[in-house]
Amino acid sequence: MKDSPSVFKTILLKQKVHVTNSCIHIFNMLCNCLVGHHIPPANLPPTTMTE
């Protein structure tokens, strides 16, 4: 089994997308913590919000 450059490039691209999604997820969580008092996070039920 020999890895072709295209397969290797696809693996790198998938890893890059995964890392980017992780960074976006962390950034969104930080934003939710900062502005969570005003804007409810989309992925959490409203019951977790403190008025």
C-alpha atoms as a PDB file:
ATOM      1  CA  MET A   1       0.000   0.000   0.000  1.00  0.00           C
ATOM      2  CA  LYS A   2       1.546   3.236  -1.209  1.00  0.00           C
ATOM      3  CA  ASP A   3       0.140   6.614  -0.190  1.00  0.00           C
ATOM      4  CA  SER A   4      -0.385   8.841  -3.186  1.00  0.00           C
ATOM      5  CA  PRO A   5       0.118  12.617  -2.833  1.00  0.00           C
ATOM      6  CA  SER A   6      -3.604  13.190  -3.365  1.00  0.00           C
ATOM      7  CA  VAL A   7      -4.535  10.896  -0.474  1.00  0.00           C
ATOM      8  CA  PHE A   8      -1.934  12.550   1.740  1.00  0.00           C
ATOM      9  CA  LYS A   9      -3.216  15.988   0.747  1.00  0.00           C
ATOM     10  CA  THR A  10      -6.793  14.928   1.526  1.00  0.00           C
ATOM     11  CA  ILE A  11      -5.733  13.725   4.988  1.00  0.00           C
ATOM     12  CA  LEU A  12      -3.966  17.022   5.656  1.00  0.00           C
ATOM     13  CA  LEU A  13      -7.005  18.959   4.465  1.00  0.00           C
ATOM     14  CA  LYS A  14      -9.319  16.980   6.754  1.00  0.00           C
ATOM     15  CA  GLN A  15      -6.992  17.569   9.702  1.00  0.00           C
ATOM     16  CA  LYS A  16      -6.889  21.287   8.907  1.00  0.00           C
ATOM     17  CA  VAL A  17     -10.691  21.479   8.761  1.00  0.00           C
ATOM     18  CA  HIS A  18     -10.938  19.568  12.042  1.00  0.00           C
ATOM     19  CA  VAL A  19      -8.547  21.958  13.787  1.00  0.00           C
ATOM     20  CA  THR A  20     -10.373  24.951  12.336  1.00  0.00           C
ATOM     21  CA  ASN A  21     -13.722  23.628  13.562  1.00  0.00           C
ATOM     22  CA  SER A  22     -12.222  23.059  17.014  1.00  0.00           C
ATOM     23  CA  CYS A  23     -10.939  26.645  17.122  1.00  0.00           C
ATOM     24  CA  ILE A  24     -14.330  27.967  16.021  1.00  0.00           C
ATOM     25  CA  HIS A  25     -16.053  25.828  18.667  1.00  0.00           C
ATOM     26  CA  ILE A  26     -13.746  27.136  21.422  1.00  0.00           C
ATOM     27  CA  PHE A  27     -14.193  30.705  20.172  1.00  0.00           C
ATOM     28  CA  ASN A  28     -17.973  30.290  20.209  1.00  0.00           C
ATOM     29  CA  MET A  29     -17.852  28.929  23.769  1.00  0.00           C
ATOM     30  CA  LEU A  30     -15.782  31.926  24.879  1.00  0.00           C
ATOM     31  CA  CYS A  31     -18.235  34.304  23.205  1.00  0.00           C
ATOM     32  CA  ASN A  32     -21.128  32.510  24.884  1.00  0.00           C
ATOM     33  CA  CYS A  33     -19.423  32.952  28.254  1.00  0.00           C
ATOM     34  CA  LEU A  34     -18.803  36.651  27.611  1.00  0.00           C
ATOM     35  CA  VAL A  35     -22.188  37.604  26.180  1.00  0.00           C
ATOM     36  CA  GLY A  36     -24.191  34.755  27.672  1.00  0.00           C
ATOM     37  CA  HIS A  37     -25.885  37.177  30.066  1.00  0.00           C
ATOM     38  CA  HIS A  38     -27.510  38.943  27.124  1.00  0.00           C
ATOM     39  CA  ILE A  39     -27.710  36.358  24.333  1.00  0.00           C
ATOM     40  CA  PRO A  40     -28.626  32.718  25.081  1.00  0.00           C
ATOM     41  CA  PRO A  41     -26.256  30.204  23.453  1.00  0.00           C
ATOM     42  CA  ALA A  42     -27.874  28.395  20.553  1.00  0.00           C
ATOM     43  CA  ASN A  43     -26.741  24.957  21.736  1.00  0.00           C
ATOM     44  CA  LEU A  44     -27.954  25.257  25.348  1.00  0.00           C
ATOM     45  CA  PRO A  45     -31.497  25.117  26.693  1.00  0.00           C
ATOM     46  CA  PRO A  46     -32.892  28.435  28.019  1.00  0.00           C
ATOM     47  CA  THR A  47     -33.219  26.923  31.508  1.00  0.00           C
ATOM     48  CA  THR A  48     -29.467  27.265  32.036  1.00  0.00           C
ATOM     49  CA  MET A  49     -29.639  31.031  31.663  1.00  0.00           C
ATOM     50  CA  THR A  50     -29.506  33.245  34.744  1.00  0.00           C
ATOM     51  CA  GLU A  51     -31.639  36.346  34.667  1.00  0.00           C
END
